[in-house]
PDB file of N, CA and C in Angstrom:
ATOM      1  N   MET A   1       0.728  -1.209  -0.227  1.00  0.00           N
ATOM      2  CA  MET A   1       0.237   0.026  -0.145  1.00  0.00           C
ATOM      3  C   MET A   1       0.850   1.297   0.069  1.00  0.00           C
ATOM      4  N   THR A   2       1.899   0.969  -0.735  1.00  0.00           N
ATOM      5  CA  THR A   2       2.956   2.463  -0.874  1.00  0.00           C
ATOM      6  C   THR A   2       1.864   3.552  -1.926  1.00  0.00           C
ATOM      7  N   LYS A   3       1.989   4.633  -1.491  1.00  0.00           N
ATOM      8  CA  LYS A   3       1.566   5.641  -2.340  1.00  0.00           C
ATOM      9  C   LYS A   3       2.058   6.175  -3.264  1.00  0.00           C
ATOM     10  N   THR A   4       1.371   6.437  -4.503  1.00  0.00           N
ATOM     11  CA  THR A   4       2.478   6.223  -5.713  1.00  0.00           C
ATOM     12  C   THR A   4       2.865   8.128  -5.590  1.00  0.00           C
ATOM     13  N   ILE A   5       3.539   8.833  -6.383  1.00  0.00           N
ATOM     14  CA  ILE A   5       3.871  10.061  -6.387  1.00  0.00           C
ATOM     15  C   ILE A   5       2.536  10.719  -6.587  1.00  0.00           C
ATOM     16  N   GLU A   6       1.922  10.316  -7.350  1.00  0.00           N
ATOM     17  CA  GLU A   6       0.735  10.857  -8.304  1.00  0.00           C
ATOM     18  C   GLU A   6      -0.177  11.288  -6.991  1.00  0.00           C
ATOM     19  N   GLN A   7      -0.529   9.945  -6.242  1.00  0.00           N
ATOM     20  CA  GLN A   7      -1.850  10.164  -5.062  1.00  0.00           C
ATOM     21  C   GLN A   7      -0.988  10.904  -3.877  1.00  0.00           C
ATOM     22  N   LYS A   8       0.383  11.089  -4.007  1.00  0.00           N
ATOM     23  CA  LYS A   8       0.695  12.078  -2.668  1.00  0.00           C
ATOM     24  C   LYS A   8       0.824  13.457  -3.198  1.00  0.00           C
ATOM     25  N   TYR A   9       0.962  13.860  -4.534  1.00  0.00           N
ATOM     26  CA  TYR A   9       0.833  15.210  -4.989  1.00  0.00           C
ATOM     27  C   TYR A   9      -0.753  15.318  -4.781  1.00  0.00           C
ATOM     28  N   ILE A  10      -1.591  14.570  -5.144  1.00  0.00           N
ATOM     29  CA  ILE A  10      -3.188  15.003  -4.867  1.00  0.00           C
ATOM     30  C   ILE A  10      -3.524  15.023  -3.536  1.00  0.00           C
ATOM     31  N   GLU A  11      -2.923  14.734  -2.638  1.00  0.00           N
ATOM     32  CA  GLU A  11      -3.154  14.570  -0.973  1.00  0.00           C
ATOM     33  C   GLU A  11      -2.424  15.966  -0.967  1.00  0.00           C
ATOM     34  N   VAL A  12      -1.278  16.275  -1.122  1.00  0.00           N
ATOM     35  CA  VAL A  12      -0.803  17.790  -0.775  1.00  0.00           C
ATOM     36  C   VAL A  12      -2.020  18.965  -1.499  1.00  0.00           C
ATOM     37  N   ALA A  13      -2.034  18.611  -2.571  1.00  0.00           N
ATOM     38  CA  ALA A  13      -3.345  19.643  -3.460  1.00  0.00           C
ATOM     39  C   ALA A  13      -4.197  19.578  -2.797  1.00  0.00           C
ATOM     40  N   MET A  14      -4.745  18.481  -2.261  1.00  0.00           N
ATOM     41  CA  MET A  14      -6.099  18.922  -1.468  1.00  0.00           C
ATOM     42  C   MET A  14      -6.235  19.306  -0.183  1.00  0.00           C
ATOM     43  N   LYS A  15      -4.940  19.014   0.592  1.00  0.00           N
ATOM     44  CA  LYS A  15      -4.603  19.759   1.698  1.00  0.00           C
ATOM     45  C   LYS A  15      -4.428  21.279   1.769  1.00  0.00           C
ATOM     46  N   GLU A  16      -3.679  22.031   0.506  1.00  0.00           N
ATOM     47  CA  GLU A  16      -3.633  23.112   0.396  1.00  0.00           C
ATOM     48  C   GLU A  16      -5.140  23.724  -0.329  1.00  0.00           C
ATOM     49  N   GLU A  17      -5.888  22.752  -1.006  1.00  0.00           N
ATOM     50  CA  GLU A  17      -7.270  23.680  -1.173  1.00  0.00           C
ATOM     51  C   GLU A  17      -8.078  23.712  -0.367  1.00  0.00           C
ATOM     52  N   ASN A  18      -8.201  22.740   0.844  1.00  0.00           N
ATOM     53  CA  ASN A  18      -9.081  22.710   1.712  1.00  0.00           C
ATOM     54  C   ASN A  18      -8.573  23.784   2.688  1.00  0.00           C
ATOM     55  N   ALA A  19      -7.313  24.110   2.870  1.00  0.00           N
ATOM     56  CA  ALA A  19      -6.886  25.173   3.588  1.00  0.00           C
ATOM     57  C   ALA A  19      -6.840  26.434   2.931  1.00  0.00           C
ATOM     58  N   MET A  20      -6.817  26.465   1.660  1.00  0.00           N
ATOM     59  CA  MET A  20      -7.567  27.783   0.992  1.00  0.00           C
ATOM     60  C   MET A  20      -9.313  28.013   1.211  1.00  0.00           C
ATOM     61  N   MET A  21      -9.629  26.929   1.166  1.00  0.00           N
ATOM     62  CA  MET A  21     -11.175  27.105   1.395  1.00  0.00           C
ATOM     63  C   MET A  21     -11.411  27.660   2.993  1.00  0.00           C
ATOM     64  N   PHE A  22     -10.937  26.898   3.629  1.00  0.00           N
ATOM     65  CA  PHE A  22     -10.910  27.045   5.409  1.00  0.00           C
ATOM     66  C   PHE A  22     -10.956  28.968   5.292  1.00  0.00           C
ATOM     67  N   SER A  23      -9.626  29.235   4.897  1.00  0.00           N
ATOM     68  CA  SER A  23      -9.468  30.398   4.997  1.00  0.00           C
ATOM     69  C   SER A  23     -10.386  31.414   4.464  1.00  0.00           C
ATOM     70  N   ARG A  24     -10.829  31.108   3.313  1.00  0.00           N
ATOM     71  CA  ARG A  24     -11.917  32.030   2.714  1.00  0.00           C
ATOM     72  C   ARG A  24     -13.304  32.049   3.664  1.00  0.00           C
ATOM     73  N   PHE A  25     -13.629  30.808   3.847  1.00  0.00           N
ATOM     74  CA  PHE A  25     -14.693  30.932   4.629  1.00  0.00           C
ATOM     75  C   PHE A  25     -14.628  31.344   6.108  1.00  0.00           C
ATOM     76  N   ASN A  26     -13.536  31.554   6.483  1.00  0.00           N
ATOM     77  CA  ASN A  26     -13.175  32.148   8.024  1.00  0.00           C
ATOM     78  C   ASN A  26     -12.979  33.599   7.689  1.00  0.00           C
ATOM     79  N   LYS A  27     -12.675  34.229   6.556  1.00  0.00           N
ATOM     80  CA  LYS A  27     -12.811  35.518   6.476  1.00  0.00           C
ATOM     81  C   LYS A  27     -14.117  35.878   5.704  1.00  0.00           C
ATOM     82  N   LEU A  28     -15.241  35.147   5.311  1.00  0.00           N
ATOM     83  CA  LEU A  28     -16.447  35.715   5.578  1.00  0.00           C
ATOM     84  C   LEU A  28     -17.074  35.292   6.523  1.00  0.00           C
ATOM     85  N   ILE A  29     -17.146  34.595   7.459  1.00  0.00           N
ATOM     86  CA  ILE A  29     -17.923  34.648   8.725  1.00  0.00           C
ATOM     87  C   ILE A  29     -17.330  35.847   9.433  1.00  0.00           C
ATOM     88  N   ASN A  30     -15.953  35.934   9.527  1.00  0.00           N
ATOM     89  CA  ASN A  30     -15.370  37.234  10.433  1.00  0.00           C
ATOM     90  C   ASN A  30     -16.214  38.753   9.634  1.00  0.00           C
ATOM     91  N   ASN A  31     -16.452  38.413   8.242  1.00  0.00           N
ATOM     92  CA  ASN A  31     -17.100  39.802   7.811  1.00  0.00           C
ATOM     93  C   ASN A  31     -18.388  39.642   8.171  1.00  0.00           C
ATOM     94  N   LEU A  32     -19.026  38.623   8.365  1.00  0.00           N
ATOM     95  CA  LEU A  32     -20.817  38.652   8.611  1.00  0.00           C
ATOM     96  C   LEU A  32     -20.858  38.832   9.975  1.00  0.00           C
ATOM     97  N   PHE A  33     -19.775  38.421  10.765  1.00  0.00           N
ATOM     98  CA  PHE A  33     -19.653  38.776  12.336  1.00  0.00           C
ATOM     99  C   PHE A  33     -19.916  40.719  12.671  1.00  0.00           C
ATOM    100  N   SER A  34     -18.785  40.787  11.576  1.00  0.00           N
ATOM    101  CA  SER A  34     -18.640  42.590  11.692  1.00  0.00           C
ATOM    102  C   SER A  34     -19.908  43.141  11.435  1.00  0.00           C
ATOM    103  N   GLU A  35     -20.052  42.630  10.004  1.00  0.00           N
ATOM    104  CA  GLU A  35     -21.598  43.514   9.678  1.00  0.00           C
ATOM    105  C   GLU A  35     -22.806  43.120  10.578  1.00  0.00           C
ATOM    106  N   LYS A  36     -22.647  42.018  11.181  1.00  0.00           N
ATOM    107  CA  LYS A  36     -24.007  42.121  12.277  1.00  0.00           C
ATOM    108  C   LYS A  36     -23.850  42.833  13.531  1.00  0.00           C
ATOM    109  N   ALA A  37     -22.788  43.115  13.666  1.00  0.00           N
ATOM    110  CA  ALA A  37     -22.041  44.013  14.865  1.00  0.00           C
ATOM    111  C   ALA A  37     -22.670  45.421  14.566  1.00  0.00           C
ATOM    112  N   GLU A  38     -22.191  46.076  13.237  1.00  0.00           N
ATOM    113  CA  GLU A  38     -22.848  47.245  12.841  1.00  0.00           C
ATOM    114  C   GLU A  38     -23.831  47.185  12.711  1.00  0.00           C
ATOM    115  N   ALA A  39     -24.839  46.215  12.149  1.00  0.00           N
ATOM    116  CA  ALA A  39     -25.836  46.396  12.258  1.00  0.00           C
ATOM    117  C   ALA A  39     -27.036  46.539  13.338  1.00  0.00           C
ATOM    118  N   GLN A  40     -26.255  46.010  14.380  1.00  0.00           N
ATOM    119  CA  GLN A  40     -27.075  45.945  15.686  1.00  0.00           C
ATOM    120  C   GLN A  40     -26.811  47.414  16.261  1.00  0.00           C
ATOM    121  N   ASP A  41     -25.524  47.894  16.134  1.00  0.00           N
ATOM    122  CA  ASP A  41     -25.341  49.165  16.247  1.00  0.00           C
ATOM    123  C   ASP A  41     -25.849  50.359  15.829  1.00  0.00           C
ATOM    124  N   GLU A  42     -26.106  50.232  14.550  1.00  0.00           N
ATOM    125  CA  GLU A  42     -27.304  50.824  13.735  1.00  0.00           C
ATOM    126  C   GLU A  42     -28.759  50.971  14.303  1.00  0.00           C
ATOM    127  N   ILE A  43     -29.205  49.453  14.485  1.00  0.00           N
ATOM    128  CA  ILE A  43     -30.740  49.077  15.091  1.00  0.00           C
ATOM    129  C   ILE A  43     -30.527  50.068  16.396  1.00  0.00           C
ATOM    130  N   LEU A  44     -29.644  50.018  17.556  1.00  0.00           N
ATOM    131  CA  LEU A  44     -29.647  50.793  18.600  1.00  0.00           C
ATOM    132  C   LEU A  44     -29.882  52.337  18.527  1.00  0.00           C
ATOM    133  N   ALA A  45     -28.902  52.589  17.500  1.00  0.00           N
ATOM    134  CA  ALA A  45     -29.064  54.335  16.900  1.00  0.00           C
ATOM    135  C   ALA A  45     -30.634  54.511  16.614  1.00  0.00           C
ATOM    136  N   LEU A  46     -30.922  53.674  15.752  1.00  0.00           N
ATOM    137  CA  LEU A  46     -32.397  53.915  15.438  1.00  0.00           C
ATOM    138  C   LEU A  46     -33.289  53.989  16.391  1.00  0.00           C
ATOM    139  N   LYS A  47     -33.340  53.009  17.375  1.00  0.00           N
ATOM    140  CA  LYS A  47     -34.076  52.866  18.333  1.00  0.00           C
ATOM    141  C   LYS A  47     -34.184  54.119  19.223  1.00  0.00           C
ATOM    142  N   SER A  48     -32.979  54.650  19.460  1.00  0.00           N
ATOM    143  CA  SER A  48     -32.703  55.900  20.438  1.00  0.00           C
ATOM    144  C   SER A  48     -33.333  57.044  19.540  1.00  0.00           C
ATOM    145  N   GLN A  49     -33.190  57.263  18.512  1.00  0.00           N
ATOM    146  CA  GLN A  49     -33.944  58.236  17.806  1.00  0.00           C
ATOM    147  C   GLN A  49     -35.355  58.232  17.665  1.00  0.00           C
ATOM    148  N   ILE A  50     -35.920  56.947  17.628  1.00  0.00           N
ATOM    149  CA  ILE A  50     -37.260  56.889  17.705  1.00  0.00           C
ATOM    150  C   ILE A  50     -37.821  57.309  19.146  1.00  0.00           C
ATOM    151  N   ASN A  51     -37.072  56.832  19.952  1.00  0.00           N
ATOM    152  CA  ASN A  51     -37.477  57.321  21.580  1.00  0.00           C
ATOM    153  C   ASN A  51     -37.400  58.700  21.761  1.00  0.00           C
ATOM    154  N   THR A  52     -36.475  59.448  20.882  1.00  0.00           N
ATOM    155  CA  THR A  52     -36.543  60.460  20.648  1.00  0.00           C
ATOM    156  C   THR A  52     -37.798  61.304  20.424  1.00  0.00           C
ATOM    157  N   LEU A  53     -37.742  60.824  19.013  1.00  0.00           N
ATOM    158  CA  LEU A  53     -39.149  61.394  18.377  1.00  0.00           C
ATOM    159  C   LEU A  53     -40.200  61.371  19.258  1.00  0.00           C
ATOM    160  N   GLN A  54     -40.584  60.021  19.759  1.00  0.00           N
ATOM    161  CA  GLN A  54     -41.704  59.531  20.454  1.00  0.00           C
ATOM    162  C   GLN A  54     -41.920  60.549  21.664  1.00  0.00           C
ATOM    163  N   LYS A  55     -40.882  60.768  21.977  1.00  0.00           N
ATOM    164  CA  LYS A  55     -41.015  62.043  23.653  1.00  0.00           C
ATOM    165  C   LYS A  55     -41.313  63.646  22.883  1.00  0.00           C
ATOM    166  N   SER A  56     -40.302  64.035  21.908  1.00  0.00           N
ATOM    167  CA  SER A  56     -41.099  65.018  20.914  1.00  0.00           C
ATOM    168  C   SER A  56     -42.525  65.217  20.659  1.00  0.00           C
ATOM    169  N   ILE A  57     -42.933  63.866  19.998  1.00  0.00           N
ATOM    170  CA  ILE A  57     -44.563  63.988  19.516  1.00  0.00           C
ATOM    171  C   ILE A  57     -45.271  64.165  20.948  1.00  0.00           C
ATOM    172  N   ALA A  58     -45.171  63.376  21.988  1.00  0.00           N
ATOM    173  CA  ALA A  58     -45.245  63.525  23.721  1.00  0.00           C
ATOM    174  C   ALA A  58     -45.451  64.923  23.463  1.00  0.00           C
ATOM    175  N   ASP A  59     -44.688  65.658  23.851  1.00  0.00           N
ATOM    176  CA  ASP A  59     -44.087  66.944  24.248  1.00  0.00           C
ATOM    177  C   ASP A  59     -45.251  67.796  23.595  1.00  0.00           C
ATOM    178  N   HIS A  60     -45.285  67.789  21.985  1.00  0.00           N
ATOM    179  CA  HIS A  60     -46.188  68.883  21.061  1.00  0.00           C
ATOM    180  C   HIS A  60     -47.750  68.461  21.240  1.00  0.00           C
ATOM    181  N   LYS A  61     -47.860  66.934  21.899  1.00  0.00           N
ATOM    182  CA  LYS A  61     -49.296  66.808  22.162  1.00  0.00           C
ATOM    183  C   LYS A  61     -49.830  67.640  23.552  1.00  0.00           C
ATOM    184  N   LYS A  62     -49.013  67.595  24.280  1.00  0.00           N
ATOM    185  CA  LYS A  62     -49.342  68.522  25.527  1.00  0.00           C
ATOM    186  C   LYS A  62     -49.297  69.651  25.171  1.00  0.00           C
ATOM    187  N   GLU A  63     -48.397  70.325  24.477  1.00  0.00           N
ATOM    188  CA  GLU A  63     -48.705  71.694  24.020  1.00  0.00           C
ATOM    189  C   GLU A  63     -49.660  71.921  23.486  1.00  0.00           C
ATOM    190  N   ILE A  64     -50.096  71.181  22.215  1.00  0.00           N
ATOM    191  CA  ILE A  64     -51.491  71.262  21.870  1.00  0.00           C
ATOM    192  C   ILE A  64     -52.439  71.455  22.618  1.00  0.00           C
ATOM    193  N   ALA A  65     -52.691  70.311  23.512  1.00  0.00           N
ATOM    194  CA  ALA A  65     -53.578  70.485  24.417  1.00  0.00           C
ATOM    195  C   ALA A  65     -53.648  71.632  25.507  1.00  0.00           C
ATOM    196  N   ASN A  66     -52.882  71.769  25.647  1.00  0.00           N
ATOM    197  CA  ASN A  66     -52.767  73.480  26.699  1.00  0.00           C
ATOM    198  C   ASN A  66     -53.211  74.543  25.943  1.00  0.00           C
ATOM    199  N   LEU A  67     -52.799  74.555  24.394  1.00  0.00           N
ATOM    200  CA  LEU A  67     -53.105  75.464  23.942  1.00  0.00           C
ATOM    201  C   LEU A  67     -54.867  75.807  23.505  1.00  0.00           C
ATOM    202  N   ASN A  68     -55.343  74.354  23.394  1.00  0.00           N
ATOM    203  CA  ASN A  68     -56.534  74.362  23.153  1.00  0.00           C
ATOM    204  C   ASN A  68     -57.200  74.901  24.243  1.00  0.00           C
ATOM    205  N   GLU A  69     -56.981  74.465  25.158  1.00  0.00           N
ATOM    206  CA  GLU A  69     -57.620  74.622  26.724  1.00  0.00           C
ATOM    207  C   GLU A  69     -57.380  76.310  27.033  1.00  0.00           C
ATOM    208  N   ARG A  70     -56.280  76.829  26.516  1.00  0.00           N
ATOM    209  CA  ARG A  70     -56.278  78.642  26.591  1.00  0.00           C
ATOM    210  C   ARG A  70     -57.409  78.916  25.303  1.00  0.00           C
ATOM    211  N   LEU A  71     -57.493  78.296  24.402  1.00  0.00           N
ATOM    212  CA  LEU A  71     -58.281  78.520  23.561  1.00  0.00           C
ATOM    213  C   LEU A  71     -59.732  78.930  24.079  1.00  0.00           C
ATOM    214  N   LYS A  72     -60.178  77.775  24.529  1.00  0.00           N
ATOM    215  CA  LYS A  72     -61.558  77.427  24.983  1.00  0.00           C
ATOM    216  C   LYS A  72     -61.726  78.597  26.250  1.00  0.00           C
ATOM    217  N   LYS A  73     -60.585  78.817  26.799  1.00  0.00           N
ATOM    218  CA  LYS A  73     -60.797  79.781  28.079  1.00  0.00           C
ATOM    219  C   LYS A  73     -61.376  81.312  27.326  1.00  0.00           C
ATOM    220  N   GLN A  74     -60.127  81.553  26.444  1.00  0.00           N
ATOM    221  CA  GLN A  74     -60.367  82.851  25.884  1.00  0.00           C
ATOM    222  C   GLN A  74     -61.902  83.076  25.190  1.00  0.00           C
ATOM    223  N   GLU A  75     -62.495  81.850  24.702  1.00  0.00           N
ATOM    224  CA  GLU A  75     -63.719  82.009  23.876  1.00  0.00           C
ATOM    225  C   GLU A  75     -64.768  82.228  25.068  1.00  0.00           C
ATOM    226  N   PHE A  76     -64.205  81.472  25.958  1.00  0.00           N
ATOM    227  CA  PHE A  76     -65.341  81.355  27.397  1.00  0.00           C
ATOM    228  C   PHE A  76     -65.054  83.329  28.110  1.00  0.00           C
ATOM    229  N   LEU A  77     -63.937  83.339  28.093  1.00  0.00           N
ATOM    230  CA  LEU A  77     -63.738  84.816  28.422  1.00  0.00           C
ATOM    231  C   LEU A  77     -64.629  86.067  27.548  1.00  0.00           C
ATOM    232  N   GLU A  78     -64.584  85.491  26.399  1.00  0.00           N
ATOM    233  CA  GLU A  78     -65.090  86.700  25.144  1.00  0.00           C
ATOM    234  C   GLU A  78     -66.807  86.440  25.299  1.00  0.00           C
ATOM    235  N   LYS A  79     -67.277  85.404  25.554  1.00  0.00           N
ATOM    236  CA  LYS A  79     -68.303  85.434  25.509  1.00  0.00           C
ATOM    237  C   LYS A  79     -69.230  85.816  27.165  1.00  0.00           C
ATOM    238  N   SER A  80     -68.203  85.736  28.004  1.00  0.00           N
ATOM    239  CA  SER A  80     -68.764  86.201  29.462  1.00  0.00           C
ATOM    240  C   SER A  80     -68.656  88.067  29.506  1.00  0.00           C
ATOM    241  N   LYS A  81     -67.810  88.669  28.139  1.00  0.00           N
ATOM    242  CA  LYS A  81     -67.580  89.722  28.050  1.00  0.00           C
ATOM    243  C   LYS A  81     -68.996  90.470  27.413  1.00  0.00           C
ATOM    244  N   GLU A  82     -69.272  89.444  26.444  1.00  0.00           N
ATOM    245  CA  GLU A  82     -70.489  89.485  25.738  1.00  0.00           C
ATOM    246  C   GLU A  82     -71.919  89.929  26.719  1.00  0.00           C
ATOM    247  N   ILE A  83     -72.035  88.447  27.638  1.00  0.00           N
ATOM    248  CA  ILE A  83     -73.012  88.402  28.705  1.00  0.00           C
ATOM    249  C   ILE A  83     -73.094  90.084  29.832  1.00  0.00           C
ATOM    250  N   GLN A  84     -71.763  90.196  29.882  1.00  0.00           N
ATOM    251  CA  GLN A  84     -71.918  91.341  30.816  1.00  0.00           C
ATOM    252  C   GLN A  84     -72.251  92.465  29.955  1.00  0.00           C
ATOM    253  N   LYS A  85     -71.950  92.659  29.055  1.00  0.00           N
ATOM    254  CA  LYS A  85     -72.602  93.782  28.033  1.00  0.00           C
ATOM    255  C   LYS A  85     -74.187  93.961  28.044  1.00  0.00           C
ATOM    256  N   GLU A  86     -74.751  92.587  27.821  1.00  0.00           N
ATOM    257  CA  GLU A  86     -76.010  92.347  27.547  1.00  0.00           C
ATOM    258  C   GLU A  86     -76.626  92.623  29.033  1.00  0.00           C
ATOM    259  N   SER A  87     -75.847  92.384  30.069  1.00  0.00           N
ATOM    260  CA  SER A  87     -76.403  92.339  31.322  1.00  0.00           C
ATOM    261  C   SER A  87     -76.921  93.842  31.646  1.00  0.00           C
ATOM    262  N   VAL A  88     -75.602  94.476  31.398  1.00  0.00           N
ATOM    263  CA  VAL A  88     -75.969  96.200  31.770  1.00  0.00           C
ATOM    264  C   VAL A  88     -76.766  96.845  31.237  1.00  0.00           C
ATOM    265  N   LYS A  89     -77.172  96.233  29.547  1.00  0.00           N
ATOM    266  CA  LYS A  89     -78.242  96.605  28.888  1.00  0.00           C
ATOM    267  C   LYS A  89     -79.547  96.398  29.247  1.00  0.00           C
ATOM    268  N   ILE A  90     -79.525  95.171  30.161  1.00  0.00           N
ATOM    269  CA  ILE A  90     -80.920  94.387  30.777  1.00  0.00           C
ATOM    270  C   ILE A  90     -81.077  95.464  31.698  1.00  0.00           C
ATOM    271  N   VAL A  91     -80.059  95.803  32.706  1.00  0.00           N
ATOM    272  CA  VAL A  91     -80.400  96.128  33.981  1.00  0.00           C
ATOM    273  C   VAL A  91     -80.874  98.044  33.801  1.00  0.00           C
ATOM    274  N   ALA A  92     -79.973  98.344  32.734  1.00  0.00           N
ATOM    275  CA  ALA A  92     -80.636  99.914  32.291  1.00  0.00           C
ATOM    276  C   ALA A  92     -82.071  99.725  32.005  1.00  0.00           C
ATOM    277  N   ASN A  93     -82.414  98.863  30.967  1.00  0.00           N
ATOM    278  CA  ASN A  93     -83.840  99.044  30.225  1.00  0.00           C
ATOM    279  C   ASN A  93     -84.660  98.541  31.776  1.00  0.00           C
ATOM    280  N   LYS A  94     -84.449  97.815  32.709  1.00  0.00           N
ATOM    281  CA  LYS A  94     -85.087  97.426  33.653  1.00  0.00           C
ATOM    282  C   LYS A  94     -85.206  98.807  34.591  1.00  0.00           C
ATOM    283  N   ALA A  95     -84.283  99.221  34.627  1.00  0.00           N
ATOM    284  CA  ALA A  95     -84.121 100.275  35.685  1.00  0.00           C
ATOM    285  C   ALA A  95     -84.782 101.749  35.104  1.00  0.00           C
ATOM    286  N   LYS A  96     -84.996 101.761  33.787  1.00  0.00           N
ATOM    287  CA  LYS A  96     -85.964 102.713  33.108  1.00  0.00           C
ATOM    288  C   LYS A  96     -87.216 102.117  33.120  1.00  0.00           C
ATOM    289  N   LYS A  97     -87.587 100.874  33.067  1.00  0.00           N
ATOM    290  CA  LYS A  97     -88.810 100.474  33.262  1.00  0.00           C
ATOM    291  C   LYS A  97     -89.852 100.539  34.235  1.00  0.00           C
ATOM    292  N   SER A  98     -88.638 100.314  35.411  1.00  0.00           N
ATOM    293  CA  SER A  98     -89.090 100.158  36.867  1.00  0.00           C
ATOM    294  C   SER A  98     -88.660 101.072  37.589  1.00  0.00           C
ATOM    295  N   THR A  99     -89.351 101.464  38.620  1.00  0.00           N
ATOM    296  CA  THR A  99     -89.497 102.258  39.716  1.00  0.00           C
ATOM    297  C   THR A  99     -89.355 101.728  40.987  1.00  0.00           C
ATOM    298  N   ASP A 100     -89.045 100.403  41.120  1.00  0.00           N
ATOM    299  CA  ASP A 100     -88.876  99.918  42.314  1.00  0.00           C
ATOM    300  C   ASP A 100     -87.575  99.349  42.422  1.00  0.00           C
ATOM    301  N   LYS A 101     -86.817 100.366  43.445  1.00  0.00           N
ATOM    302  CA  LYS A 101     -85.572  99.812  43.734  1.00  0.00           C
ATOM    303  C   LYS A 101     -84.983  98.528  44.165  1.00  0.00           C
ATOM    304  N   VAL A 102     -86.159  97.805  44.746  1.00  0.00           N
ATOM    305  CA  VAL A 102     -85.938  96.661  45.447  1.00  0.00           C
ATOM    306  C   VAL A 102     -85.736  95.273  44.148  1.00  0.00           C
ATOM    307  N   GLU A 103     -86.386  95.528  43.001  1.00  0.00           N
ATOM    308  CA  GLU A 103     -86.550  95.015  41.639  1.00  0.00           C
ATOM    309  C   GLU A 103     -84.786  95.264  41.194  1.00  0.00           C
ATOM    310  N   ILE A 104     -84.808  96.430  40.761  1.00  0.00           N
ATOM    311  CA  ILE A 104     -83.185  96.916  40.541  1.00  0.00           C
ATOM    312  C   ILE A 104     -82.092  96.173  41.430  1.00  0.00           C
ATOM    313  N   LYS A 105     -82.362  96.315  42.523  1.00  0.00           N
ATOM    314  CA  LYS A 105     -81.373  95.440  43.300  1.00  0.00           C
ATOM    315  C   LYS A 105     -81.137  94.117  43.535  1.00  0.00           C
ATOM    316  N   LYS A 106     -81.979  93.472  43.026  1.00  0.00           N
ATOM    317  CA  LYS A 106     -82.563  92.093  42.960  1.00  0.00           C
ATOM    318  C   LYS A 106     -81.764  91.720  41.709  1.00  0.00           C
ATOM    319  N   THR A 107     -81.737  92.512  40.536  1.00  0.00           N
ATOM    320  CA  THR A 107     -81.313  92.096  39.426  1.00  0.00           C
ATOM    321  C   THR A 107     -79.705  92.398  39.364  1.00  0.00           C
ATOM    322  N   ILE A 108     -79.576  93.112  40.099  1.00  0.00           N
ATOM    323  CA  ILE A 108     -78.035  93.655  40.192  1.00  0.00           C
ATOM    324  C   ILE A 108     -77.426  92.395  40.627  1.00  0.00           C
ATOM    325  N   THR A 109     -77.841  92.022  41.594  1.00  0.00           N
ATOM    326  CA  THR A 109     -77.570  90.723  42.515  1.00  0.00           C
ATOM    327  C   THR A 109     -77.138  89.628  41.556  1.00  0.00           C
ATOM    328  N   GLU A 110     -78.454  89.193  40.851  1.00  0.00           N
ATOM    329  CA  GLU A 110     -78.361  88.204  40.218  1.00  0.00           C
ATOM    330  C   GLU A 110     -77.404  88.156  38.729  1.00  0.00           C
ATOM    331  N   LEU A 111     -77.029  89.648  38.317  1.00  0.00           N
ATOM    332  CA  LEU A 111     -75.829  89.535  37.672  1.00  0.00           C
ATOM    333  C   LEU A 111     -74.683  89.169  38.081  1.00  0.00           C
ATOM    334  N   ILE A 112     -74.612  89.890  39.401  1.00  0.00           N
ATOM    335  CA  ILE A 112     -73.228  89.866  39.976  1.00  0.00           C
ATOM    336  C   ILE A 112     -72.817  88.422  39.959  1.00  0.00           C
ATOM    337  N   GLN A 113     -73.992  87.559  40.639  1.00  0.00           N
ATOM    338  CA  GLN A 113     -73.834  86.059  40.836  1.00  0.00           C
ATOM    339  C   GLN A 113     -73.683  85.398  39.559  1.00  0.00           C
ATOM    340  N   GLU A 114     -73.869  85.507  38.271  1.00  0.00           N
ATOM    341  CA  GLU A 114     -73.875  85.512  37.271  1.00  0.00           C
ATOM    342  C   GLU A 114     -72.494  85.568  37.106  1.00  0.00           C
ATOM    343  N   ILE A 115     -71.928  86.826  36.879  1.00  0.00           N
ATOM    344  CA  ILE A 115     -70.431  86.962  36.849  1.00  0.00           C
ATOM    345  C   ILE A 115     -69.244  86.399  37.728  1.00  0.00           C
ATOM    346  N   ASP A 116     -69.854  86.438  38.913  1.00  0.00           N
ATOM    347  CA  ASP A 116     -68.912  85.662  39.832  1.00  0.00           C
ATOM    348  C   ASP A 116     -68.743  84.032  39.131  1.00  0.00           C
ATOM    349  N   ALA A 117     -70.042  83.599  38.841  1.00  0.00           N
ATOM    350  CA  ALA A 117     -69.717  82.386  38.541  1.00  0.00           C
ATOM    351  C   ALA A 117     -68.946  82.120  37.237  1.00  0.00           C
ATOM    352  N   CYS A 118     -69.035  83.087  36.710  1.00  0.00           N
ATOM    353  CA  CYS A 118     -68.126  82.971  35.055  1.00  0.00           C
ATOM    354  C   CYS A 118     -66.804  83.279  35.239  1.00  0.00           C
ATOM    355  N   ILE A 119     -66.533  83.846  36.475  1.00  0.00           N
ATOM    356  CA  ILE A 119     -65.015  84.137  37.082  1.00  0.00           C
ATOM    357  C   ILE A 119     -64.428  83.031  37.781  1.00  0.00           C
ATOM    358  N   ALA A 120     -65.282  82.433  38.576  1.00  0.00           N
ATOM    359  CA  ALA A 120     -65.203  81.000  39.244  1.00  0.00           C
ATOM    360  C   ALA A 120     -64.979  79.673  38.041  1.00  0.00           C
ATOM    361  N   LEU A 121     -65.544  80.262  36.816  1.00  0.00           N
ATOM    362  CA  LEU A 121     -65.107  78.802  35.977  1.00  0.00           C
ATOM    363  C   LEU A 121     -64.206  79.064  34.967  1.00  0.00           C
ATOM    364  N   LEU A 122     -63.476  80.224  35.391  1.00  0.00           N
ATOM    365  CA  LEU A 122     -62.294  80.855  34.643  1.00  0.00           C
ATOM    366  C   LEU A 122     -61.070  80.462  35.083  1.00  0.00           C
ATOM    367  N   ASN A 123     -61.335  80.433  36.731  1.00  0.00           N
ATOM    368  CA  ASN A 123     -60.103  80.182  37.719  1.00  0.00           C
ATOM    369  C   ASN A 123     -60.132  78.904  37.914  1.00  0.00           C
ATOM    370  N   GLU A 124     -60.697  77.950  37.710  1.00  0.00           N
ATOM    371  CA  GLU A 124     -60.904  76.270  37.512  1.00  0.00           C
ATOM    372  C   GLU A 124     -59.750  75.958  36.531  1.00  0.00           C
ATOM    373  N   GLU A 125     -58.820  75.039  36.825  1.00  0.00           N
ATOM    374  CA  GLU A 125     -57.616  74.633  36.015  1.00  0.00           C
ATOM    375  C   GLU A 125     -57.872  73.055  36.104  1.00  0.00           C
TER     376      GLU A 125
END
């Protein structure tokens, strides 16, 4: 069972070929691991950006809610001012029509109570 020179040459060539293939596969595997690590780093960076954007969106939503609340209060104030103007007109008309001071005082008191209620609603937060 002696090997011929040709068989020995084939064995050496196969060993060299196997070593080259192993080296190529090893390089490919190392590249894949490197790319995997880079991809994981990029994913972490993207997650961080997403968290930052979500926080920013939440802050903007709060700001919008606050602005809507202020708008409602302002509209309420404007309506309250209109009510006050109308109240003054009503009191003036009643004062002209009525000579009874008790009724005028009662009307004024009711209007003051209405105004106080409006102010109390404005002060609620």
